[in-house]
């Protein structure tokens, strides 16, 4: 946090990235927020805002290209008030980021979409391989 708090309404973004090598990026109402460098367990960045409703979205960037761990939260900031928003980057790129008004745990569970896609691909591989083996057997029997 800054040494001299500004008057008015603020959002304090607390971001935890861990040792995964990912960088946390956040936006307030679609505008990129320059987060303070993460030290130890995370960073806290003070963002002056107008009173009212705001959308906070955060995500991780891995190796400057891969975007993952997206999470979004809509908050109401009272006039002259402060709202603390906590974001935790997931432990893997398949898991979702966690955001809320209290400190968040870093998730490790993959999205249901990822699990379903992997299961569907495994079924396709089994069907293709099994179909190929059956066709090979049929051709061997005819010869």
Foldseek 3Di string as FASTA:
>chain_A
DDPDDDFKEKEKEWEFEPDLQWDKWKDKQNHTDDFDDADDGTGIDIGHDHFAKIKMWMWIDHPNHDTAQIDMDIDGIHIRGYAYKYWYYANDRQPHIDIDRDHDDHHDDGDPVVVVVVVVVVVVVCVVVVVVVVVVVVVVVVD
